[in-house]
Amino acid sequence: MRLLVSLIFAVSLMFGQIVAASPRDDAEYIAESMLSESGREWAIKAIAGIYVSHFTKELDKHSVRVLDSDRFAEMIPMNVVEPWILRWKELLAGGLLKVYTPAQLAQIANNRAMPKSW
């Protein structure tokens, strides 16, 4: 009996935390969802493109020509790109917090349905 009560308490505590997510948690979850799969792929390409543009200009100063920008972008290490993706998630979550009410964020996070203003 004691085990059953403990189990019920533990389960309700776990689900109670999910239900009582803060607006920040909801915004971070939405941002993570938006930058998953195709969004993440786009972000990686965009960030790598910025690095390629910068490095191409710097190399050009030393008479080094980049012939294949796409291949050069593929060579940018993920450990260089990953911090920027995390920063974009933070900025996206902050923007969501400014635009939507806590109730709207909870609705989006729980139902994955964007409000009409999206």
N, C-alpha and C. Protein backbone atom coordinates (compact mmCIF):
# COMPACT_ATOMS: atom_id res chain seq x y z
N MET A 1 0.82 -1.19 0.00
CA MET A 1 0.00 0.00 0.00
C MET A 1 0.87 1.26 0.00
N ARG A 2 1.94 1.23 0.81
CA ARG A 2 2.83 2.37 0.88
C ARG A 2 3.49 2.62 -0.48
N LEU A 3 3.84 1.55 -1.18
CA LEU A 3 4.43 1.66 -2.51
C LEU A 3 3.46 2.32 -3.49
N LEU A 4 2.19 1.93 -3.42
CA LEU A 4 1.17 2.48 -4.30
C LEU A 4 1.00 3.99 -4.05
N VAL A 5 0.94 4.39 -2.80
CA VAL A 5 0.79 5.80 -2.46
C VAL A 5 2.02 6.59 -2.94
N SER A 6 3.19 6.02 -2.74
CA SER A 6 4.41 6.68 -3.20
C SER A 6 4.44 6.81 -4.71
N LEU A 7 4.01 5.78 -5.40
CA LEU A 7 3.97 5.80 -6.85
C LEU A 7 2.98 6.85 -7.37
N ILE A 8 1.80 6.90 -6.77
CA ILE A 8 0.79 7.90 -7.17
C ILE A 8 1.32 9.31 -6.92
N PHE A 9 1.95 9.52 -5.78
CA PHE A 9 2.52 10.82 -5.46
C PHE A 9 3.60 11.22 -6.47
N ALA A 10 4.49 10.28 -6.79
CA ALA A 10 5.58 10.56 -7.72
C ALA A 10 5.05 10.88 -9.12
N VAL A 11 4.08 10.13 -9.58
CA VAL A 11 3.51 10.37 -10.90
C VAL A 11 2.79 11.71 -10.95
N SER A 12 2.02 12.02 -9.91
CA SER A 12 1.31 13.31 -9.91
C SER A 12 2.30 14.46 -9.83
N LEU A 13 3.40 14.27 -9.13
CA LEU A 13 4.41 15.31 -9.05
C LEU A 13 5.06 15.52 -10.42
N MET A 14 5.36 14.43 -11.12
CA MET A 14 5.96 14.55 -12.45
C MET A 14 5.04 15.27 -13.41
N PHE A 15 3.77 14.87 -13.46
CA PHE A 15 2.84 15.49 -14.39
C PHE A 15 2.44 16.88 -13.93
N GLY A 16 2.50 17.12 -12.65
CA GLY A 16 2.21 18.46 -12.14
C GLY A 16 3.25 19.46 -12.61
N GLN A 17 4.50 19.03 -12.72
CA GLN A 17 5.55 19.91 -13.21
C GLN A 17 5.36 20.20 -14.69
N ILE A 18 4.91 19.23 -15.44
CA ILE A 18 4.68 19.44 -16.86
C ILE A 18 3.54 20.44 -17.07
N VAL A 19 2.47 20.27 -16.32
CA VAL A 19 1.32 21.15 -16.44
C VAL A 19 1.67 22.56 -16.00
N ALA A 20 2.52 22.68 -15.00
CA ALA A 20 2.84 23.99 -14.44
C ALA A 20 4.12 24.57 -15.04
N ALA A 21 4.35 24.33 -16.32
CA ALA A 21 5.53 24.88 -16.97
C ALA A 21 5.43 26.40 -17.00
N SER A 22 6.56 27.04 -16.81
CA SER A 22 6.59 28.50 -16.84
C SER A 22 6.50 28.99 -18.29
N PRO A 23 6.14 30.25 -18.47
CA PRO A 23 6.12 30.81 -19.83
C PRO A 23 7.49 30.70 -20.51
N ARG A 24 8.56 30.87 -19.75
CA ARG A 24 9.92 30.74 -20.29
C ARG A 24 10.14 29.31 -20.80
N ASP A 25 9.71 28.31 -20.00
CA ASP A 25 9.84 26.92 -20.42
C ASP A 25 9.05 26.65 -21.69
N ASP A 26 7.85 27.19 -21.76
CA ASP A 26 7.02 27.02 -22.96
C ASP A 26 7.70 27.66 -24.17
N ALA A 27 8.21 28.87 -24.01
CA ALA A 27 8.87 29.57 -25.11
C ALA A 27 10.11 28.81 -25.58
N GLU A 28 10.88 28.28 -24.63
CA GLU A 28 12.07 27.51 -25.00
C GLU A 28 11.70 26.22 -25.72
N TYR A 29 10.62 25.58 -25.28
CA TYR A 29 10.15 24.37 -25.95
C TYR A 29 9.70 24.67 -27.38
N ILE A 30 8.98 25.76 -27.56
CA ILE A 30 8.51 26.16 -28.90
C ILE A 30 9.71 26.48 -29.79
N ALA A 31 10.67 27.23 -29.25
CA ALA A 31 11.87 27.59 -30.02
C ALA A 31 12.63 26.33 -30.43
N GLU A 32 12.75 25.39 -29.51
CA GLU A 32 13.42 24.12 -29.81
C GLU A 32 12.68 23.38 -30.91
N SER A 33 11.36 23.37 -30.85
CA SER A 33 10.56 22.70 -31.87
C SER A 33 10.72 23.38 -33.23
N MET A 34 10.80 24.70 -33.22
CA MET A 34 10.92 25.44 -34.47
C MET A 34 12.29 25.22 -35.12
N LEU A 35 13.31 25.02 -34.30
CA LEU A 35 14.65 24.83 -34.84
C LEU A 35 15.05 23.36 -34.88
N SER A 36 14.09 22.48 -34.88
CA SER A 36 14.41 21.07 -35.02
C SER A 36 14.28 20.66 -36.48
N GLU A 37 14.98 19.64 -36.84
CA GLU A 37 14.98 19.08 -38.20
C GLU A 37 15.24 20.13 -39.27
N SER A 38 14.24 20.51 -40.06
CA SER A 38 14.48 21.40 -41.20
C SER A 38 14.93 22.78 -40.74
N GLY A 39 14.39 23.27 -39.63
CA GLY A 39 14.80 24.57 -39.12
C GLY A 39 16.25 24.57 -38.68
N ARG A 40 16.67 23.50 -38.07
CA ARG A 40 18.07 23.37 -37.63
C ARG A 40 19.00 23.30 -38.84
N GLU A 41 18.58 22.55 -39.84
CA GLU A 41 19.38 22.43 -41.06
C GLU A 41 19.55 23.80 -41.72
N TRP A 42 18.46 24.56 -41.77
CA TRP A 42 18.52 25.90 -42.33
C TRP A 42 19.46 26.77 -41.51
N ALA A 43 19.37 26.69 -40.19
CA ALA A 43 20.21 27.52 -39.32
C ALA A 43 21.68 27.18 -39.50
N ILE A 44 22.00 25.90 -39.61
CA ILE A 44 23.39 25.48 -39.81
C ILE A 44 23.92 26.06 -41.12
N LYS A 45 23.13 25.96 -42.18
CA LYS A 45 23.56 26.50 -43.48
C LYS A 45 23.74 28.01 -43.42
N ALA A 46 22.82 28.69 -42.75
CA ALA A 46 22.91 30.15 -42.66
C ALA A 46 24.15 30.58 -41.88
N ILE A 47 24.41 29.94 -40.76
CA ILE A 47 25.57 30.30 -39.94
C ILE A 47 26.86 29.96 -40.67
N ALA A 48 26.91 28.79 -41.28
CA ALA A 48 28.10 28.40 -42.05
C ALA A 48 28.32 29.37 -43.19
N GLY A 49 27.25 29.83 -43.82
CA GLY A 49 27.37 30.81 -44.90
C GLY A 49 27.97 32.12 -44.43
N ILE A 50 27.61 32.54 -43.23
CA ILE A 50 28.18 33.77 -42.66
C ILE A 50 29.68 33.60 -42.43
N TYR A 51 30.05 32.43 -41.88
CA TYR A 51 31.48 32.16 -41.68
C TYR A 51 32.23 32.13 -43.01
N VAL A 52 31.65 31.48 -44.02
CA VAL A 52 32.29 31.40 -45.33
C VAL A 52 32.49 32.79 -45.91
N SER A 53 31.48 33.63 -45.80
CA SER A 53 31.59 35.00 -46.32
C SER A 53 32.72 35.74 -45.63
N HIS A 54 32.79 35.62 -44.32
CA HIS A 54 33.84 36.32 -43.56
C HIS A 54 35.22 35.77 -43.93
N PHE A 55 35.36 34.44 -43.92
CA PHE A 55 36.66 33.84 -44.22
C PHE A 55 37.08 34.10 -45.66
N THR A 56 36.13 34.13 -46.58
CA THR A 56 36.45 34.40 -47.99
C THR A 56 37.04 35.79 -48.14
N LYS A 57 36.45 36.76 -47.46
CA LYS A 57 36.98 38.13 -47.52
C LYS A 57 38.39 38.20 -46.93
N GLU A 58 38.57 37.52 -45.80
CA GLU A 58 39.89 37.54 -45.15
C GLU A 58 40.94 36.82 -46.01
N LEU A 59 40.58 35.70 -46.58
CA LEU A 59 41.52 34.96 -47.42
C LEU A 59 41.85 35.72 -48.69
N ASP A 60 40.85 36.45 -49.20
CA ASP A 60 41.05 37.24 -50.42
C ASP A 60 42.12 38.31 -50.21
N LYS A 61 42.22 38.81 -49.01
CA LYS A 61 43.24 39.81 -48.69
C LYS A 61 44.65 39.24 -48.85
N HIS A 62 44.75 37.91 -48.75
CA HIS A 62 46.04 37.23 -48.86
C HIS A 62 46.17 36.48 -50.18
N SER A 63 45.36 36.88 -51.14
CA SER A 63 45.37 36.30 -52.49
C SER A 63 45.00 34.81 -52.52
N VAL A 64 44.18 34.39 -51.59
CA VAL A 64 43.68 33.01 -51.58
C VAL A 64 42.25 33.05 -52.06
N ARG A 65 41.94 32.28 -53.08
CA ARG A 65 40.60 32.26 -53.66
C ARG A 65 39.84 31.01 -53.22
N VAL A 66 38.60 31.20 -52.83
CA VAL A 66 37.71 30.09 -52.50
C VAL A 66 36.92 29.78 -53.75
N LEU A 67 37.09 28.58 -54.29
CA LEU A 67 36.44 28.20 -55.54
C LEU A 67 35.05 27.63 -55.33
N ASP A 68 34.84 26.92 -54.22
CA ASP A 68 33.55 26.27 -53.97
C ASP A 68 33.06 26.65 -52.57
N SER A 69 32.23 27.69 -52.52
CA SER A 69 31.74 28.19 -51.23
C SER A 69 30.89 27.15 -50.50
N ASP A 70 30.09 26.39 -51.23
CA ASP A 70 29.24 25.38 -50.59
C ASP A 70 30.07 24.30 -49.92
N ARG A 71 31.11 23.86 -50.60
CA ARG A 71 31.98 22.83 -50.00
C ARG A 71 32.74 23.39 -48.80
N PHE A 72 33.14 24.64 -48.91
CA PHE A 72 33.82 25.30 -47.81
C PHE A 72 32.89 25.39 -46.60
N ALA A 73 31.62 25.70 -46.84
CA ALA A 73 30.63 25.77 -45.75
C ALA A 73 30.46 24.42 -45.06
N GLU A 74 30.50 23.35 -45.84
CA GLU A 74 30.37 22.00 -45.25
C GLU A 74 31.55 21.66 -44.35
N MET A 75 32.68 22.34 -44.55
CA MET A 75 33.88 22.07 -43.77
C MET A 75 33.91 22.82 -42.44
N ILE A 76 32.98 23.74 -42.24
CA ILE A 76 32.94 24.49 -40.98
C ILE A 76 32.56 23.49 -39.87
N PRO A 77 33.36 23.39 -38.82
CA PRO A 77 33.08 22.41 -37.76
C PRO A 77 31.79 22.74 -36.99
N MET A 78 31.10 21.70 -36.58
CA MET A 78 29.85 21.88 -35.83
C MET A 78 30.10 22.55 -34.48
N ASN A 79 31.25 22.34 -33.88
CA ASN A 79 31.51 22.97 -32.58
C ASN A 79 31.64 24.48 -32.71
N VAL A 80 31.81 24.99 -33.92
CA VAL A 80 31.81 26.43 -34.17
C VAL A 80 30.39 26.93 -34.37
N VAL A 81 29.57 26.13 -35.03
CA VAL A 81 28.20 26.52 -35.38
C VAL A 81 27.23 26.36 -34.20
N GLU A 82 27.42 25.32 -33.42
CA GLU A 82 26.47 24.97 -32.35
C GLU A 82 26.20 26.10 -31.35
N PRO A 83 27.20 26.85 -30.88
CA PRO A 83 26.89 27.95 -29.95
C PRO A 83 25.96 29.00 -30.56
N TRP A 84 26.07 29.23 -31.86
CA TRP A 84 25.21 30.20 -32.51
C TRP A 84 23.77 29.70 -32.60
N ILE A 85 23.61 28.40 -32.82
CA ILE A 85 22.27 27.83 -32.85
C ILE A 85 21.61 27.97 -31.48
N LEU A 86 22.38 27.71 -30.43
CA LEU A 86 21.85 27.88 -29.07
C LEU A 86 21.47 29.34 -28.83
N ARG A 87 22.27 30.25 -29.33
CA ARG A 87 21.96 31.68 -29.15
C ARG A 87 20.69 32.06 -29.91
N TRP A 88 20.51 31.51 -31.11
CA TRP A 88 19.29 31.78 -31.88
C TRP A 88 18.07 31.26 -31.14
N LYS A 89 18.21 30.10 -30.50
CA LYS A 89 17.09 29.56 -29.71
C LYS A 89 16.74 30.50 -28.57
N GLU A 90 17.77 31.03 -27.91
CA GLU A 90 17.53 31.98 -26.82
C GLU A 90 16.82 33.23 -27.32
N LEU A 91 17.28 33.76 -28.45
CA LEU A 91 16.67 34.96 -29.01
C LEU A 91 15.23 34.69 -29.46
N LEU A 92 15.01 33.53 -30.05
CA LEU A 92 13.67 33.17 -30.50
C LEU A 92 12.74 33.02 -29.30
N ALA A 93 13.20 32.37 -28.24
CA ALA A 93 12.39 32.23 -27.03
C ALA A 93 12.08 33.60 -26.43
N GLY A 94 13.05 34.48 -26.40
CA GLY A 94 12.83 35.83 -25.88
C GLY A 94 11.80 36.59 -26.72
N GLY A 95 11.88 36.44 -28.02
CA GLY A 95 10.90 37.08 -28.90
C GLY A 95 9.50 36.53 -28.69
N LEU A 96 9.39 35.23 -28.51
CA LEU A 96 8.09 34.62 -28.25
C LEU A 96 7.49 35.14 -26.94
N LEU A 97 8.34 35.31 -25.93
CA LEU A 97 7.87 35.84 -24.64
C LEU A 97 7.35 37.27 -24.77
N LYS A 98 7.94 38.04 -25.67
CA LYS A 98 7.49 39.42 -25.87
C LYS A 98 6.18 39.50 -26.65
N VAL A 99 6.00 38.57 -27.58
CA VAL A 99 4.85 38.64 -28.49
C VAL A 99 3.60 37.97 -27.92
N TYR A 100 3.77 36.85 -27.23
CA TYR A 100 2.62 36.06 -26.79
C TYR A 100 2.43 36.11 -25.28
N THR A 101 1.19 35.96 -24.87
CA THR A 101 0.86 35.90 -23.45
C THR A 101 1.24 34.51 -22.93
N PRO A 102 1.38 34.37 -21.61
CA PRO A 102 1.67 33.05 -21.06
C PRO A 102 0.61 32.00 -21.46
N ALA A 103 -0.65 32.40 -21.53
CA ALA A 103 -1.70 31.45 -21.92
C ALA A 103 -1.52 31.01 -23.38
N GLN A 104 -1.18 31.96 -24.25
CA GLN A 104 -0.95 31.60 -25.65
C GLN A 104 0.25 30.69 -25.80
N LEU A 105 1.32 30.97 -25.05
CA LEU A 105 2.50 30.11 -25.10
C LEU A 105 2.18 28.70 -24.64
N ALA A 106 1.40 28.60 -23.56
CA ALA A 106 1.00 27.28 -23.08
C ALA A 106 0.18 26.54 -24.12
N GLN A 107 -0.72 27.27 -24.78
CA GLN A 107 -1.55 26.64 -25.82
C GLN A 107 -0.69 26.15 -26.97
N ILE A 108 0.25 26.96 -27.41
CA ILE A 108 1.12 26.57 -28.51
C ILE A 108 1.97 25.36 -28.11
N ALA A 109 2.54 25.41 -26.91
CA ALA A 109 3.40 24.32 -26.46
C ALA A 109 2.62 23.01 -26.28
N ASN A 110 1.41 23.09 -25.77
CA ASN A 110 0.63 21.88 -25.51
C ASN A 110 -0.04 21.32 -26.75
N ASN A 111 -0.55 22.19 -27.59
CA ASN A 111 -1.29 21.73 -28.76
C ASN A 111 -0.51 21.81 -30.04
N ARG A 112 0.64 22.48 -29.98
CA ARG A 112 1.43 22.74 -31.16
C ARG A 112 0.63 23.44 -32.25
N ALA A 113 -0.32 24.24 -31.81
CA ALA A 113 -1.15 25.01 -32.75
C ALA A 113 -0.78 26.49 -32.59
N MET A 114 -0.39 27.10 -33.66
CA MET A 114 -0.03 28.51 -33.61
C MET A 114 -1.30 29.36 -33.60
N PRO A 115 -1.33 30.43 -32.81
CA PRO A 115 -2.48 31.32 -32.82
C PRO A 115 -2.60 32.03 -34.17
N LYS A 116 -3.74 32.63 -34.42
CA LYS A 116 -4.01 33.27 -35.70
C LYS A 116 -3.02 34.40 -35.99
N SER A 117 -2.50 35.04 -34.96
CA SER A 117 -1.58 36.16 -35.16
C SER A 117 -0.20 35.68 -35.61
N TRP A 118 0.07 34.41 -35.58
CA TRP A 118 1.38 33.88 -35.97
C TRP A 118 1.55 34.07 -37.44
